[in-house]
Protein backbone atom coordinates (compact mmCIF):
# COMPACT_ATOMS: atom_id res chain seq x y z
CA UNK A 1 0.00 0.00 0.00
CA UNK A 2 1.36 3.37 -0.99
CA UNK A 3 0.41 6.11 1.42
CA UNK A 4 1.87 9.58 1.13
CA UNK A 5 1.71 12.10 3.94
CA UNK A 6 3.34 15.44 4.62
CA UNK A 7 4.71 15.48 8.13
CA UNK A 8 5.19 18.54 10.27
CA UNK A 9 7.39 17.14 13.01
CA UNK A 10 8.86 19.19 15.80
CA UNK A 11 12.52 20.05 15.23
CA UNK A 12 13.43 18.17 18.43
CA UNK A 13 12.05 14.95 16.92
CA UNK A 14 13.88 15.47 13.63
CA UNK A 15 17.09 16.49 15.43
CA UNK A 16 17.04 13.32 17.56
CA UNK A 17 16.68 11.14 14.46
CA UNK A 18 19.32 13.05 12.48
CA UNK A 19 21.75 12.87 15.42
CA UNK A 20 21.18 9.11 15.54
CA UNK A 21 21.88 8.95 11.79
CA UNK A 22 25.05 11.00 12.16
CA UNK A 23 26.44 8.73 14.87
CA UNK A 24 25.44 5.47 13.15
CA UNK A 25 27.99 3.05 11.72
CA UNK A 26 28.19 2.50 7.97
CA UNK A 27 27.71 -1.03 6.67
CA UNK A 28 26.92 -2.85 3.46
CA UNK A 29 23.26 -3.16 2.58
CA UNK A 30 23.94 -6.85 1.87
CA UNK A 31 24.86 -7.32 5.55
CA UNK A 32 21.28 -6.62 6.72
CA UNK A 33 20.06 -9.96 8.04
CA UNK A 34 17.30 -11.53 5.95
CA UNK A 35 15.10 -14.54 6.41
CA UNK A 36 15.88 -17.56 4.26
CA UNK A 37 12.93 -16.94 1.91
CA UNK A 38 13.61 -13.22 1.39
CA UNK A 39 14.77 -12.24 -2.08
CA UNK A 40 16.10 -8.78 -1.25
CA UNK A 41 16.27 -6.24 1.52
CA UNK A 42 13.99 -3.97 -0.51
CA UNK A 43 11.22 -6.57 -0.64
CA UNK A 44 11.63 -7.88 2.90
CA UNK A 45 12.64 -4.98 5.12
CA UNK A 46 11.80 -1.66 3.46
CA UNK A 47 9.11 0.13 5.47
CA UNK A 48 9.29 3.84 4.63
CA UNK A 49 10.62 6.32 2.11
CA UNK A 50 11.37 9.60 3.81
CA UNK A 51 11.86 12.75 1.75
CA UNK A 52 13.37 15.66 3.64
CA UNK A 53 13.22 19.08 2.01
CA UNK A 54 16.12 21.23 3.05
CA UNK A 55 15.92 25.00 3.45
CA UNK A 56 17.85 25.39 0.18
CA UNK A 57 15.22 23.32 -1.67
CA UNK A 58 17.31 20.16 -1.96
CA UNK A 59 15.36 16.93 -1.40
CA UNK A 60 17.07 14.14 0.54
CA UNK A 61 15.55 10.68 0.02
CA UNK A 62 16.08 8.17 2.82
CA UNK A 63 14.95 4.55 2.71
CA UNK A 64 14.09 3.21 6.16
CA UNK A 65 14.36 -0.52 6.70
CA UNK A 66 12.96 -2.65 9.50
CA UNK A 67 15.52 -3.13 12.25
CA UNK A 68 16.94 0.40 12.26
CA UNK A 69 18.70 0.45 8.90
CA UNK A 70 18.72 3.63 6.80
CA UNK A 71 19.94 4.04 3.22
CA UNK A 72 20.57 7.39 1.56
CA UNK A 73 19.01 6.88 -1.86
CA UNK A 74 21.74 7.44 -4.40
CA UNK A 75 24.47 5.69 -2.45
CA UNK A 76 23.91 2.14 -3.57
CA UNK A 77 24.91 -0.76 -1.42
CA UNK A 78 25.61 1.24 1.75
CA UNK A 79 23.43 1.96 4.78
CA UNK A 80 23.75 2.87 8.43
CA UNK A 81 22.44 1.02 11.47
CA UNK A 82 20.65 3.49 13.74
CA UNK A 83 20.23 2.88 17.46
CA UNK A 84 17.04 0.78 17.77
CA UNK A 85 15.42 2.99 20.40
CA UNK A 86 15.96 6.20 18.42
CA UNK A 87 14.84 4.52 15.20
CA UNK A 88 11.67 3.11 16.76
CA UNK A 89 10.82 6.42 18.41
CA UNK A 90 11.00 8.10 15.01
CA UNK A 91 9.08 5.33 13.23
CA UNK A 92 6.30 5.61 15.81
CA UNK A 93 5.87 9.26 14.78
CA UNK A 94 5.24 8.16 11.20
CA UNK A 95 2.44 5.74 12.06
PDB file of N, CA and C in Angstrom:
ATOM      1  N   UNK A   1       0.842  -1.177   0.000  1.00  0.00           N
ATOM      2  CA  UNK A   1       0.000   0.000   0.000  1.00  0.00           C
ATOM      3  C   UNK A   1       0.886   1.239   0.000  1.00  0.00           C
ATOM      4  N   UNK A   2       0.619   2.117  -0.924  1.00  0.00           N
ATOM      5  CA  UNK A   2       1.360   3.371  -0.994  1.00  0.00           C
ATOM      6  C   UNK A   2       0.546   4.472  -0.350  1.00  0.00           C
ATOM      7  N   UNK A   3       1.058   5.013   0.718  1.00  0.00           N
ATOM      8  CA  UNK A   3       0.410   6.115   1.421  1.00  0.00           C
ATOM      9  C   UNK A   3       1.418   7.250   1.504  1.00  0.00           C
ATOM     10  N   UNK A   4       1.002   8.413   1.087  1.00  0.00           N
ATOM     11  CA  UNK A   4       1.870   9.580   1.131  1.00  0.00           C
ATOM     12  C   UNK A   4       1.286  10.572   2.133  1.00  0.00           C
ATOM     13  N   UNK A   5       2.153  11.123   2.958  1.00  0.00           N
ATOM     14  CA  UNK A   5       1.713  12.103   3.940  1.00  0.00           C
ATOM     15  C   UNK A   5       2.802  13.139   4.132  1.00  0.00           C
ATOM     16  N   UNK A   6       2.402  14.376   4.290  1.00  0.00           N
ATOM     17  CA  UNK A   6       3.344  15.436   4.622  1.00  0.00           C
ATOM     18  C   UNK A   6       3.376  15.551   6.133  1.00  0.00           C
ATOM     19  N   UNK A   7       4.563  15.454   6.678  1.00  0.00           N
ATOM     20  CA  UNK A   7       4.715  15.484   8.127  1.00  0.00           C
ATOM     21  C   UNK A   7       5.244  16.834   8.575  1.00  0.00           C
ATOM     22  N   UNK A   8       4.700  17.305   9.647  1.00  0.00           N
ATOM     23  CA  UNK A   8       5.189  18.535  10.272  1.00  0.00           C
ATOM     24  C   UNK A   8       5.661  18.145  11.663  1.00  0.00           C
ATOM     25  N   UNK A   9       6.857  17.602  11.732  1.00  0.00           N
ATOM     26  CA  UNK A   9       7.388  17.145  13.010  1.00  0.00           C
ATOM     27  C   UNK A   9       8.141  18.273  13.692  1.00  0.00           C
ATOM     28  N   UNK A  10       8.130  18.236  14.998  1.00  0.00           N
ATOM     29  CA  UNK A  10       8.864  19.188  15.804  1.00  0.00           C
ATOM     30  C   UNK A  10      10.355  19.032  15.509  1.00  0.00           C
ATOM     31  N   UNK A  11      11.089  20.124  15.537  1.00  0.00           N
ATOM     32  CA  UNK A  11      12.518  20.055  15.233  1.00  0.00           C
ATOM     33  C   UNK A  11      13.277  19.166  16.218  1.00  0.00           C
ATOM     34  N   UNK A  12      12.780  19.038  17.444  1.00  0.00           N
ATOM     35  CA  UNK A  12      13.429  18.168  18.430  1.00  0.00           C
ATOM     36  C   UNK A  12      13.369  16.719  17.961  1.00  0.00           C
ATOM     37  N   UNK A  13      12.225  16.311  17.406  1.00  0.00           N
ATOM     38  CA  UNK A  13      12.055  14.952  16.916  1.00  0.00           C
ATOM     39  C   UNK A  13      12.964  14.676  15.723  1.00  0.00           C
ATOM     40  N   UNK A  14      13.011  15.614  14.805  1.00  0.00           N
ATOM     41  CA  UNK A  14      13.882  15.473  13.634  1.00  0.00           C
ATOM     42  C   UNK A  14      15.336  15.479  14.071  1.00  0.00           C
ATOM     43  N   UNK A  15      15.708  16.403  14.956  1.00  0.00           N
ATOM     44  CA  UNK A  15      17.095  16.487  15.426  1.00  0.00           C
ATOM     45  C   UNK A  15      17.544  15.188  16.086  1.00  0.00           C
ATOM     46  N   UNK A  16      16.682  14.582  16.892  1.00  0.00           N
ATOM     47  CA  UNK A  16      17.043  13.324  17.561  1.00  0.00           C
ATOM     48  C   UNK A  16      17.321  12.235  16.537  1.00  0.00           C
ATOM     49  N   UNK A  17      16.475  12.152  15.509  1.00  0.00           N
ATOM     50  CA  UNK A  17      16.680  11.140  14.465  1.00  0.00           C
ATOM     51  C   UNK A  17      17.935  11.439  13.655  1.00  0.00           C
ATOM     52  N   UNK A  18      18.128  12.694  13.270  1.00  0.00           N
ATOM     53  CA  UNK A  18      19.317  13.052  12.484  1.00  0.00           C
ATOM     54  C   UNK A  18      20.599  12.849  13.283  1.00  0.00           C
ATOM     55  N   UNK A  19      20.572  13.133  14.579  1.00  0.00           N
ATOM     56  CA  UNK A  19      21.746  12.865  15.422  1.00  0.00           C
ATOM     57  C   UNK A  19      22.042  11.380  15.481  1.00  0.00           C
ATOM     58  N   UNK A  20      20.989  10.560  15.558  1.00  0.00           N
ATOM     59  CA  UNK A  20      21.180   9.106  15.544  1.00  0.00           C
ATOM     60  C   UNK A  20      21.771   8.658  14.204  1.00  0.00           C
ATOM     61  N   UNK A  21      21.318   9.267  13.112  1.00  0.00           N
ATOM     62  CA  UNK A  21      21.881   8.951  11.786  1.00  0.00           C
ATOM     63  C   UNK A  21      23.356   9.329  11.723  1.00  0.00           C
ATOM     64  N   UNK A  22      23.676  10.513  12.216  1.00  0.00           N
ATOM     65  CA  UNK A  22      25.054  11.003  12.156  1.00  0.00           C
ATOM     66  C   UNK A  22      26.025  10.153  12.968  1.00  0.00           C
ATOM     67  N   UNK A  23      25.548   9.534  14.028  1.00  0.00           N
ATOM     68  CA  UNK A  23      26.443   8.730  14.865  1.00  0.00           C
ATOM     69  C   UNK A  23      26.401   7.245  14.508  1.00  0.00           C
ATOM     70  N   UNK A  24      25.585   6.884  13.527  1.00  0.00           N
ATOM     71  CA  UNK A  24      25.439   5.472  13.147  1.00  0.00           C
ATOM     72  C   UNK A  24      26.637   4.985  12.336  1.00  0.00           C
ATOM     73  N   UNK A  25      26.883   3.688  12.447  1.00  0.00           N
ATOM     74  CA  UNK A  25      27.989   3.047  11.721  1.00  0.00           C
ATOM     75  C   UNK A  25      27.561   2.684  10.301  1.00  0.00           C
ATOM     76  N   UNK A  26      28.441   2.917   9.339  1.00  0.00           N
ATOM     77  CA  UNK A  26      28.189   2.500   7.968  1.00  0.00           C
ATOM     78  C   UNK A  26      28.367   0.995   7.842  1.00  0.00           C
ATOM     79  N   UNK A  27      27.590   0.400   6.958  1.00  0.00           N
ATOM     80  CA  UNK A  27      27.708  -1.026   6.673  1.00  0.00           C
ATOM     81  C   UNK A  27      27.173  -1.278   5.268  1.00  0.00           C
ATOM     82  N   UNK A  28      27.449  -2.471   4.762  1.00  0.00           N
ATOM     83  CA  UNK A  28      26.925  -2.851   3.461  1.00  0.00           C
ATOM     84  C   UNK A  28      25.455  -3.225   3.579  1.00  0.00           C
ATOM     85  N   UNK A  29      24.674  -2.822   2.600  1.00  0.00           N
ATOM     86  CA  UNK A  29      23.261  -3.163   2.576  1.00  0.00           C
ATOM     87  C   UNK A  29      23.077  -4.684   2.578  1.00  0.00           C
ATOM     88  N   UNK A  30      23.992  -5.374   1.929  1.00  0.00           N
ATOM     89  CA  UNK A  30      23.935  -6.846   1.868  1.00  0.00           C
ATOM     90  C   UNK A  30      24.143  -7.504   3.230  1.00  0.00           C
ATOM     91  N   UNK A  31      24.624  -6.764   4.218  1.00  0.00           N
ATOM     92  CA  UNK A  31      24.856  -7.317   5.553  1.00  0.00           C
ATOM     93  C   UNK A  31      23.611  -7.267   6.435  1.00  0.00           C
ATOM     94  N   UNK A  32      22.539  -6.624   5.956  1.00  0.00           N
ATOM     95  CA  UNK A  32      21.285  -6.615   6.724  1.00  0.00           C
ATOM     96  C   UNK A  32      20.763  -8.045   6.762  1.00  0.00           C
ATOM     97  N   UNK A  33      20.514  -8.573   7.947  1.00  0.00           N
ATOM     98  CA  UNK A  33      20.061  -9.957   8.044  1.00  0.00           C
ATOM     99  C   UNK A  33      18.676 -10.147   7.413  1.00  0.00           C
ATOM    100  N   UNK A  34      18.553 -11.180   6.602  1.00  0.00           N
ATOM    101  CA  UNK A  34      17.300 -11.527   5.947  1.00  0.00           C
ATOM    102  C   UNK A  34      16.870 -12.922   6.362  1.00  0.00           C
ATOM    103  N   UNK A  35      15.590 -13.179   6.223  1.00  0.00           N
ATOM    104  CA  UNK A  35      15.100 -14.541   6.414  1.00  0.00           C
ATOM    105  C   UNK A  35      15.471 -15.370   5.188  1.00  0.00           C
ATOM    106  N   UNK A  36      15.457 -16.653   5.325  1.00  0.00           N
ATOM    107  CA  UNK A  36      15.876 -17.560   4.258  1.00  0.00           C
ATOM    108  C   UNK A  36      15.077 -17.363   2.970  1.00  0.00           C
ATOM    109  N   UNK A  37      13.803 -17.063   3.081  1.00  0.00           N
ATOM    110  CA  UNK A  37      12.928 -16.936   1.908  1.00  0.00           C
ATOM    111  C   UNK A  37      12.955 -15.550   1.270  1.00  0.00           C
ATOM    112  N   UNK A  38      13.600 -14.586   1.902  1.00  0.00           N
ATOM    113  CA  UNK A  38      13.613 -13.219   1.393  1.00  0.00           C
ATOM    114  C   UNK A  38      14.510 -13.104   0.170  1.00  0.00           C
ATOM    115  N   UNK A  39      14.000 -12.426  -0.861  1.00  0.00           N
ATOM    116  CA  UNK A  39      14.769 -12.238  -2.085  1.00  0.00           C
ATOM    117  C   UNK A  39      15.713 -11.046  -2.000  1.00  0.00           C
ATOM    118  N   UNK A  40      15.246  -9.956  -1.385  1.00  0.00           N
ATOM    119  CA  UNK A  40      16.099  -8.776  -1.255  1.00  0.00           C
ATOM    120  C   UNK A  40      15.667  -7.961  -0.048  1.00  0.00           C
ATOM    121  N   UNK A  41      16.558  -7.110   0.389  1.00  0.00           N
ATOM    122  CA  UNK A  41      16.267  -6.240   1.525  1.00  0.00           C
ATOM    123  C   UNK A  41      15.131  -5.282   1.180  1.00  0.00           C
ATOM    124  N   UNK A  42      15.038  -4.898  -0.094  1.00  0.00           N
ATOM    125  CA  UNK A  42      13.991  -3.968  -0.511  1.00  0.00           C
ATOM    126  C   UNK A  42      12.607  -4.607  -0.405  1.00  0.00           C
ATOM    127  N   UNK A  43      12.507  -5.871  -0.721  1.00  0.00           N
ATOM    128  CA  UNK A  43      11.223  -6.575  -0.637  1.00  0.00           C
ATOM    129  C   UNK A  43      10.878  -6.957   0.792  1.00  0.00           C
ATOM    130  N   UNK A  44      11.876  -7.304   1.576  1.00  0.00           N
ATOM    131  CA  UNK A  44      11.632  -7.884   2.896  1.00  0.00           C
ATOM    132  C   UNK A  44      11.614  -6.870   4.033  1.00  0.00           C
ATOM    133  N   UNK A  45      12.427  -5.848   3.957  1.00  0.00           N
ATOM    134  CA  UNK A  45      12.643  -4.979   5.119  1.00  0.00           C
ATOM    135  C   UNK A  45      12.259  -3.516   4.929  1.00  0.00           C
ATOM    136  N   UNK A  46      12.069  -3.076   3.690  1.00  0.00           N
ATOM    137  CA  UNK A  46      11.798  -1.658   3.458  1.00  0.00           C
ATOM    138  C   UNK A  46      10.431  -1.281   4.020  1.00  0.00           C
ATOM    139  N   UNK A  47      10.386  -0.243   4.863  1.00  0.00           N
ATOM    140  CA  UNK A  47       9.115   0.132   5.467  1.00  0.00           C
ATOM    141  C   UNK A  47       8.694   1.565   5.146  1.00  0.00           C
ATOM    142  N   UNK A  48       9.642   2.451   4.929  1.00  0.00           N
ATOM    143  CA  UNK A  48       9.288   3.838   4.628  1.00  0.00           C
ATOM    144  C   UNK A  48      10.300   4.452   3.672  1.00  0.00           C
ATOM    145  N   UNK A  49       9.789   5.391   2.863  1.00  0.00           N
ATOM    146  CA  UNK A  49      10.625   6.322   2.110  1.00  0.00           C
ATOM    147  C   UNK A  49      10.403   7.666   2.776  1.00  0.00           C
ATOM    148  N   UNK A  50      11.463   8.311   3.138  1.00  0.00           N
ATOM    149  CA  UNK A  50      11.373   9.596   3.812  1.00  0.00           C
ATOM    150  C   UNK A  50      12.057  10.635   2.927  1.00  0.00           C
ATOM    151  N   UNK A  51      11.325  11.672   2.565  1.00  0.00           N
ATOM    152  CA  UNK A  51      11.862  12.748   1.746  1.00  0.00           C
ATOM    153  C   UNK A  51      11.944  13.997   2.615  1.00  0.00           C
ATOM    154  N   UNK A  52      13.148  14.470   2.821  1.00  0.00           N
ATOM    155  CA  UNK A  52      13.367  15.659   3.636  1.00  0.00           C
ATOM    156  C   UNK A  52      13.700  16.823   2.712  1.00  0.00           C
ATOM    157  N   UNK A  53      12.930  17.901   2.808  1.00  0.00           N
ATOM    158  CA  UNK A  53      13.217  19.080   2.009  1.00  0.00           C
ATOM    159  C   UNK A  53      14.037  20.050   2.847  1.00  0.00           C
ATOM    160  N   UNK A  54      15.217  20.329   2.354  1.00  0.00           N
ATOM    161  CA  UNK A  54      16.119  21.228   3.055  1.00  0.00           C
ATOM    162  C   UNK A  54      15.722  22.685   2.797  1.00  0.00           C
ATOM    163  N   UNK A  55      16.232  23.573   3.602  1.00  0.00           N
ATOM    164  CA  UNK A  55      15.916  24.998   3.450  1.00  0.00           C
ATOM    165  C   UNK A  55      16.331  25.527   2.080  1.00  0.00           C
ATOM    166  N   UNK A  56      17.385  24.943   1.486  1.00  0.00           N
ATOM    167  CA  UNK A  56      17.853  25.389   0.175  1.00  0.00           C
ATOM    168  C   UNK A  56      17.080  24.744  -0.976  1.00  0.00           C
ATOM    169  N   UNK A  57      16.051  23.946  -0.650  1.00  0.00           N
ATOM    170  CA  UNK A  57      15.222  23.315  -1.672  1.00  0.00           C
ATOM    171  C   UNK A  57      15.656  21.917  -2.071  1.00  0.00           C
ATOM    172  N   UNK A  58      16.824  21.503  -1.636  1.00  0.00           N
ATOM    173  CA  UNK A  58      17.309  20.155  -1.962  1.00  0.00           C
ATOM    174  C   UNK A  58      16.435  19.110  -1.256  1.00  0.00           C
ATOM    175  N   UNK A  59      16.138  18.029  -1.960  1.00  0.00           N
ATOM    176  CA  UNK A  59      15.359  16.932  -1.397  1.00  0.00           C
ATOM    177  C   UNK A  59      16.297  15.766  -1.105  1.00  0.00           C
ATOM    178  N   UNK A  60      16.274  15.291   0.127  1.00  0.00           N
ATOM    179  CA  UNK A  60      17.073  14.136   0.540  1.00  0.00           C
ATOM    180  C   UNK A  60      16.109  12.956   0.706  1.00  0.00           C
ATOM    181  N   UNK A  61      16.398  11.875   0.003  1.00  0.00           N
ATOM    182  CA  UNK A  61      15.546  10.680   0.024  1.00  0.00           C
ATOM    183  C   UNK A  61      16.234   9.607   0.865  1.00  0.00           C
ATOM    184  N   UNK A  62      15.583   9.232   1.947  1.00  0.00           N
ATOM    185  CA  UNK A  62      16.079   8.166   2.817  1.00  0.00           C
ATOM    186  C   UNK A  62      15.144   6.967   2.726  1.00  0.00           C
ATOM    187  N   UNK A  63      15.721   5.783   2.652  1.00  0.00           N
ATOM    188  CA  UNK A  63      14.946   4.546   2.715  1.00  0.00           C
ATOM    189  C   UNK A  63      15.139   3.972   4.106  1.00  0.00           C
ATOM    190  N   UNK A  64      14.044   3.745   4.802  1.00  0.00           N
ATOM    191  CA  UNK A  64      14.094   3.209   6.159  1.00  0.00           C
ATOM    192  C   UNK A  64      13.709   1.735   6.111  1.00  0.00           C
ATOM    193  N   UNK A  65      14.561   0.918   6.697  1.00  0.00           N
ATOM    194  CA  UNK A  65      14.361  -0.520   6.700  1.00  0.00           C
ATOM    195  C   UNK A  65      14.112  -1.013   8.120  1.00  0.00           C
ATOM    196  N   UNK A  66      13.254  -2.009   8.218  1.00  0.00           N
ATOM    197  CA  UNK A  66      12.964  -2.649   9.500  1.00  0.00           C
ATOM    198  C   UNK A  66      14.269  -3.022  10.191  1.00  0.00           C
ATOM    199  N   UNK A  67      14.335  -2.779  11.483  1.00  0.00           N
ATOM    200  CA  UNK A  67      15.518  -3.129  12.253  1.00  0.00           C
ATOM    201  C   UNK A  67      16.460  -1.969  12.504  1.00  0.00           C
ATOM    202  N   UNK A  68      16.112  -0.761  11.996  1.00  0.00           N
ATOM    203  CA  UNK A  68      16.941   0.402  12.264  1.00  0.00           C
ATOM    204  C   UNK A  68      17.952   0.741  11.187  1.00  0.00           C
ATOM    205  N   UNK A  69      17.766   0.201   9.994  1.00  0.00           N
ATOM    206  CA  UNK A  69      18.704   0.447   8.899  1.00  0.00           C
ATOM    207  C   UNK A  69      18.183   1.581   8.022  1.00  0.00           C
ATOM    208  N   UNK A  70      19.091   2.477   7.617  1.00  0.00           N
ATOM    209  CA  UNK A  70      18.718   3.626   6.796  1.00  0.00           C
ATOM    210  C   UNK A  70      19.702   3.739   5.639  1.00  0.00           C
ATOM    211  N   UNK A  71      19.148   3.881   4.436  1.00  0.00           N
ATOM    212  CA  UNK A  71      19.942   4.044   3.220  1.00  0.00           C
ATOM    213  C   UNK A  71      19.646   5.412   2.625  1.00  0.00           C
ATOM    214  N   UNK A  72      20.704   6.143   2.277  1.00  0.00           N
ATOM    215  CA  UNK A  72      20.567   7.394   1.557  1.00  0.00           C
ATOM    216  C   UNK A  72      20.426   7.026   0.093  1.00  0.00           C
ATOM    217  N   UNK A  73      19.246   7.260  -0.471  1.00  0.00           N
ATOM    218  CA  UNK A  73      19.013   6.881  -1.862  1.00  0.00           C
ATOM    219  C   UNK A  73      20.009   7.611  -2.755  1.00  0.00           C
ATOM    220  N   UNK A  74      20.697   6.884  -3.544  1.00  0.00           N
ATOM    221  CA  UNK A  74      21.735   7.444  -4.398  1.00  0.00           C
ATOM    222  C   UNK A  74      23.112   6.914  -4.025  1.00  0.00           C
ATOM    223  N   UNK A  75      23.231   6.347  -2.854  1.00  0.00           N
ATOM    224  CA  UNK A  75      24.475   5.688  -2.446  1.00  0.00           C
ATOM    225  C   UNK A  75      24.156   4.194  -2.353  1.00  0.00           C
ATOM    226  N   UNK A  76      24.295   3.541  -3.478  1.00  0.00           N
ATOM    227  CA  UNK A  76      23.911   2.141  -3.574  1.00  0.00           C
ATOM    228  C   UNK A  76      24.808   1.233  -2.748  1.00  0.00           C
ATOM    229  N   UNK A  77      24.175   0.275  -2.104  1.00  0.00           N
ATOM    230  CA  UNK A  77      24.914  -0.765  -1.418  1.00  0.00           C
ATOM    231  C   UNK A  77      25.400  -0.412  -0.026  1.00  0.00           C
ATOM    232  N   UNK A  78      25.131   0.805   0.446  1.00  0.00           N
ATOM    233  CA  UNK A  78      25.609   1.245   1.754  1.00  0.00           C
ATOM    234  C   UNK A  78      24.414   1.719   2.581  1.00  0.00           C
ATOM    235  N   UNK A  79      24.464   1.447   3.870  1.00  0.00           N
ATOM    236  CA  UNK A  79      23.435   1.957   4.778  1.00  0.00           C
ATOM    237  C   UNK A  79      24.093   2.234   6.118  1.00  0.00           C
ATOM    238  N   UNK A  80      23.294   2.716   7.051  1.00  0.00           N
ATOM    239  CA  UNK A  80      23.751   2.866   8.428  1.00  0.00           C
ATOM    240  C   UNK A  80      22.784   2.116   9.323  1.00  0.00           C
ATOM    241  N   UNK A  81      23.267   1.694  10.467  1.00  0.00           N
ATOM    242  CA  UNK A  81      22.442   1.021  11.469  1.00  0.00           C
ATOM    243  C   UNK A  81      22.241   2.002  12.608  1.00  0.00           C
ATOM    244  N   UNK A  82      21.005   2.504  12.729  1.00  0.00           N
ATOM    245  CA  UNK A  82      20.653   3.490  13.743  1.00  0.00           C
ATOM    246  C   UNK A  82      20.298   2.765  15.044  1.00  0.00           C
ATOM    247  N   UNK A  83      20.613   3.387  16.152  1.00  0.00           N
ATOM    248  CA  UNK A  83      20.228   2.878  17.458  1.00  0.00           C
ATOM    249  C   UNK A  83      18.745   2.512  17.433  1.00  0.00           C
ATOM    250  N   UNK A  84      18.412   1.279  17.849  1.00  0.00           N
ATOM    251  CA  UNK A  84      17.038   0.776  17.772  1.00  0.00           C
ATOM    252  C   UNK A  84      16.037   1.674  18.479  1.00  0.00           C
ATOM    253  N   UNK A  85      16.362   2.156  19.662  1.00  0.00           N
ATOM    254  CA  UNK A  85      15.422   2.988  20.403  1.00  0.00           C
ATOM    255  C   UNK A  85      15.122   4.275  19.650  1.00  0.00           C
ATOM    256  N   UNK A  86      16.153   4.945  19.160  1.00  0.00           N
ATOM    257  CA  UNK A  86      15.965   6.201  18.423  1.00  0.00           C
ATOM    258  C   UNK A  86      15.194   5.954  17.122  1.00  0.00           C
ATOM    259  N   UNK A  87      15.528   4.867  16.441  1.00  0.00           N
ATOM    260  CA  UNK A  87      14.844   4.520  15.196  1.00  0.00           C
ATOM    261  C   UNK A  87      13.363   4.267  15.458  1.00  0.00           C
ATOM    262  N   UNK A  88      13.067   3.442  16.454  1.00  0.00           N
ATOM    263  CA  UNK A  88      11.673   3.105  16.761  1.00  0.00           C
ATOM    264  C   UNK A  88      10.873   4.305  17.228  1.00  0.00           C
ATOM    265  N   UNK A  89      11.499   5.203  17.993  1.00  0.00           N
ATOM    266  CA  UNK A  89      10.818   6.424  18.409  1.00  0.00           C
ATOM    267  C   UNK A  89      10.415   7.250  17.194  1.00  0.00           C
ATOM    268  N   UNK A  90      11.305   7.337  16.221  1.00  0.00           N
ATOM    269  CA  UNK A  90      10.998   8.098  15.014  1.00  0.00           C
ATOM    270  C   UNK A  90       9.933   7.398  14.179  1.00  0.00           C
ATOM    271  N   UNK A  91      10.050   6.093  14.010  1.00  0.00           N
ATOM    272  CA  UNK A  91       9.078   5.334  13.230  1.00  0.00           C
ATOM    273  C   UNK A  91       7.684   5.472  13.846  1.00  0.00           C
ATOM    274  N   UNK A  92       7.593   5.466  15.153  1.00  0.00           N
ATOM    275  CA  UNK A  92       6.297   5.613  15.814  1.00  0.00           C
ATOM    276  C   UNK A  92       5.628   6.955  15.489  1.00  0.00           C
ATOM    277  N   UNK A  93       6.421   7.968  15.194  1.00  0.00           N
ATOM    278  CA  UNK A  93       5.869   9.264  14.784  1.00  0.00           C
ATOM    279  C   UNK A  93       5.256   9.205  13.400  1.00  0.00           C
ATOM    280  N   UNK A  94       5.715   8.267  12.584  1.00  0.00           N
ATOM    281  CA  UNK A  94       5.241   8.155  11.204  1.00  0.00           C
ATOM    282  C   UNK A  94       3.968   7.346  11.091  1.00  0.00           C
ATOM    283  N   UNK A  95       3.611   6.629  12.118  1.00  0.00           N
ATOM    284  CA  UNK A  95       2.438   5.738  12.064  1.00  0.00           C
ATOM    285  C   UNK A  95       1.178   6.450  12.423  1.00  0.00           C
TER     286      UNK A  95
END
